[in-house]
Amino acid sequence: QRDNPGFWLRSIYFTDAQHGVAVGDNGTILKTTDGGSSWNAVTLTGNIANRRFNEVEFINASTGFIVGGNKSNDSIQTILKTTDGGDTWSVITDNIGSMLNGIDFASLAQAYAVGDKGVILSSSNSGDTWAPLNLPFSINDSADLYAVNFLNVDFGIAVGKSGKMLVYQNPLPV
């Protein structure tokens, strides 16, 4: 469908057979409403239009999130949210911090985002606000995390650089 020179695409998510969003470098957001036969660029303004978007995730047909940032000396941590199926995006955060690489929802309310330097953010209000998740010192190191996936609120895994794997399980196995 598309083989044009341009910015790298890094993630894609379909909410149904017709509606999807792809994201990538330099603020690239593409949206389809015809099952991928055609794609339209979503325009962003300001500094956010220059960010690298690493993953897009939807919790229903209208509400979705993008994580990414800008990997530099003063790295930028970015989270965007849409409530209209990806037509427009609002900034939840775009501040100095480790760039984010992955996002997943354990439930409609509970979400996690992971990123560079071992950062893990959590949200308990459907992604409206995010806070750092403090891990025990023995596993809290600076290896980059690239992806996170939750089966449900009781089981999830984050993976990253050099084979790093963090497993969350509640209750803990005996």
Protein backbone atom coordinates (compact mmCIF):
# COMPACT_ATOMS: atom_id res chain seq x y z
CA GLN A 1 0.00 0.00 0.00
CA ARG A 2 2.84 2.36 0.71
CA ASP A 3 6.48 2.25 -0.37
CA ASN A 4 7.62 5.83 -0.35
CA PRO A 5 10.81 7.29 1.09
CA GLY A 6 10.02 8.91 4.41
CA PHE A 7 10.33 8.65 8.13
CA TRP A 8 10.49 5.23 9.80
CA LEU A 9 7.24 3.79 11.06
CA ARG A 10 7.62 2.04 14.42
CA SER A 11 4.16 0.85 15.51
CA ILE A 12 0.66 0.20 14.18
CA TYR A 13 -2.66 -0.53 15.87
CA PHE A 14 -6.05 -1.40 14.40
CA THR A 15 -9.22 -0.94 16.49
CA ASP A 16 -11.24 -2.93 13.93
CA ALA A 17 -10.85 -4.17 10.36
CA GLN A 18 -11.15 -0.65 8.92
CA HIS A 19 -9.63 1.80 11.43
CA GLY A 20 -5.93 1.93 12.22
CA VAL A 21 -3.12 4.28 13.22
CA ALA A 22 0.60 3.98 12.41
CA VAL A 23 3.27 6.08 14.16
CA GLY A 24 6.96 6.73 13.72
CA ASP A 25 9.82 9.17 13.51
CA ASN A 26 9.63 12.95 13.29
CA GLY A 27 6.06 13.16 14.62
CA THR A 28 4.64 10.81 11.99
CA ILE A 29 1.04 9.73 12.61
CA LEU A 30 -0.88 8.07 9.78
CA LYS A 31 -4.53 7.06 9.97
CA THR A 32 -6.63 4.72 7.82
CA THR A 33 -10.41 4.32 7.76
CA ASP A 34 -10.53 1.83 4.89
CA GLY A 35 -8.56 -1.14 6.18
CA GLY A 36 -5.20 0.25 5.07
CA SER A 37 -6.03 0.93 1.41
CA SER A 38 -5.22 4.60 1.99
CA TRP A 39 -3.46 6.49 4.76
CA ASN A 40 -3.77 10.14 5.77
CA ALA A 41 -1.24 12.10 7.80
CA VAL A 42 -2.41 13.61 11.10
CA THR A 43 -0.91 17.07 11.53
CA LEU A 44 0.73 18.05 14.82
CA THR A 45 2.00 21.47 15.81
CA GLY A 46 4.85 22.78 17.92
CA ASN A 47 7.75 20.72 19.29
CA ILE A 48 5.59 17.60 19.46
CA ALA A 49 5.73 17.41 15.66
CA ASN A 50 9.45 16.58 15.94
CA ARG A 51 9.16 13.69 18.40
CA ARG A 52 9.87 10.03 17.71
CA PHE A 53 6.76 7.93 18.36
CA ASN A 54 7.63 4.35 19.34
CA GLU A 55 4.26 2.75 20.07
CA VAL A 56 0.55 3.37 19.65
CA GLU A 57 -2.10 1.55 21.71
CA PHE A 58 -5.90 1.92 21.86
CA ILE A 59 -8.16 0.87 24.75
CA ASN A 60 -11.32 1.20 22.63
CA ALA A 61 -12.33 2.56 19.23
CA SER A 62 -11.98 6.19 20.30
CA THR A 63 -9.34 6.33 23.06
CA GLY A 64 -5.69 5.71 22.28
CA PHE A 65 -2.18 6.63 23.38
CA ILE A 66 1.20 7.21 21.75
CA VAL A 67 4.51 7.02 23.63
CA GLY A 68 7.92 8.20 22.54
CA GLY A 69 10.01 11.30 22.89
CA ASN A 70 13.37 12.59 21.79
CA LYS A 71 16.57 10.71 22.56
CA SER A 72 19.19 13.37 23.21
CA ASN A 73 21.43 14.65 26.00
CA ASP A 74 18.33 16.04 27.72
CA SER A 75 15.98 13.29 26.65
CA ILE A 76 12.28 14.11 26.25
CA GLN A 77 9.51 11.79 27.47
CA THR A 78 6.25 12.06 25.50
CA ILE A 79 2.74 10.66 25.93
CA LEU A 80 -0.14 11.68 23.65
CA LYS A 81 -3.83 10.81 23.94
CA THR A 82 -6.74 10.78 21.50
CA THR A 83 -10.42 10.52 22.33
CA ASP A 84 -11.70 10.74 18.75
CA GLY A 85 -10.18 7.66 17.15
CA GLY A 86 -6.90 9.33 16.24
CA ASP A 87 -8.12 12.42 14.38
CA THR A 88 -6.60 14.73 17.00
CA TRP A 89 -4.02 14.15 19.75
CA SER A 90 -3.48 16.01 23.01
CA VAL A 91 -0.27 16.10 25.03
CA ILE A 92 -0.40 14.28 28.38
CA THR A 93 3.32 14.80 28.98
CA ASP A 94 6.24 16.15 26.94
CA ASN A 95 8.96 16.83 29.47
CA ILE A 96 12.58 16.04 30.21
CA GLY A 97 12.86 12.34 31.04
CA SER A 98 13.81 9.01 29.52
CA MET A 99 12.22 8.37 26.13
CA LEU A 100 9.34 5.90 26.27
CA ASN A 101 9.31 2.81 24.03
CA GLY A 102 6.24 0.77 24.96
CA ILE A 103 2.79 1.01 26.53
CA ASP A 104 0.10 -1.48 27.56
CA PHE A 105 -3.12 -1.50 29.53
CA ALA A 106 -3.65 -4.22 32.16
CA SER A 107 -7.27 -3.04 32.45
CA LEU A 108 -9.28 -0.03 31.30
CA ALA A 109 -7.92 1.92 34.29
CA GLN A 110 -4.43 0.47 34.90
CA ALA A 111 -1.65 1.17 32.38
CA TYR A 112 2.13 0.92 32.17
CA ALA A 113 4.71 2.61 29.94
CA VAL A 114 8.38 1.59 29.71
CA GLY A 115 11.43 3.28 28.29
CA ASP A 116 15.09 4.11 28.25
CA LYS A 117 17.23 3.83 31.40
CA GLY A 118 14.79 1.32 32.92
CA VAL A 119 11.97 3.82 33.38
CA ILE A 120 8.52 2.42 34.16
CA LEU A 121 5.52 4.72 34.48
CA SER A 122 2.10 3.69 35.72
CA SER A 123 -1.37 5.16 35.50
CA SER A 124 -4.40 4.12 37.53
CA ASN A 125 -6.85 6.55 35.89
CA SER A 126 -7.02 5.35 32.27
CA GLY A 127 -3.87 7.19 31.22
CA ASP A 128 -4.88 10.70 32.29
CA THR A 129 -1.89 11.02 34.66
CA TRP A 130 1.34 9.03 34.94
CA ALA A 131 3.86 8.53 37.75
CA PRO A 132 7.16 6.65 38.02
CA LEU A 133 6.85 3.11 39.34
CA ASN A 134 9.41 2.47 42.06
CA LEU A 135 10.87 -1.02 41.91
CA PRO A 136 12.92 -2.78 44.57
CA PHE A 137 16.56 -1.67 44.40
CA SER A 138 17.81 -5.12 43.40
CA ILE A 139 16.02 -5.01 40.02
CA ASN A 140 15.93 -1.27 39.42
CA ASP A 141 18.84 -0.73 37.03
CA SER A 142 19.36 1.45 34.00
CA ALA A 143 18.94 -1.10 31.17
CA ASP A 144 16.55 0.24 28.51
CA LEU A 145 13.10 -1.34 28.38
CA TYR A 146 11.57 -1.73 24.92
CA ALA A 147 8.18 -3.41 25.38
CA VAL A 148 5.57 -4.21 28.01
CA ASN A 149 2.59 -6.56 27.86
CA PHE A 150 -0.05 -7.40 30.45
CA LEU A 151 -2.31 -10.42 30.20
CA ASN A 152 -4.48 -8.93 32.96
CA VAL A 153 -4.04 -6.92 36.17
CA ASP A 154 -2.27 -9.86 37.81
CA PHE A 155 0.35 -10.78 35.20
CA GLY A 156 2.64 -8.72 32.99
CA ILE A 157 6.14 -8.68 31.53
CA ALA A 158 8.50 -5.89 30.44
CA VAL A 159 11.54 -6.70 28.28
CA GLY A 160 14.61 -4.78 27.23
CA LYS A 161 18.28 -4.41 26.51
CA SER A 162 20.70 -7.30 27.13
CA GLY A 163 17.85 -9.73 27.72
CA LYS A 164 16.38 -7.84 30.67
CA MET A 165 12.99 -9.26 31.62
CA LEU A 166 10.82 -8.02 34.48
CA VAL A 167 7.85 -10.19 35.43
CA TYR A 168 4.95 -8.92 37.51
CA GLN A 169 2.81 -11.63 39.07
CA ASN A 170 0.18 -11.24 41.79
CA PRO A 171 0.05 -13.28 43.89
CA LEU A 172 3.67 -14.38 43.72
CA PRO A 173 4.17 -18.07 42.93
CA VAL A 174 4.92 -20.27 45.95
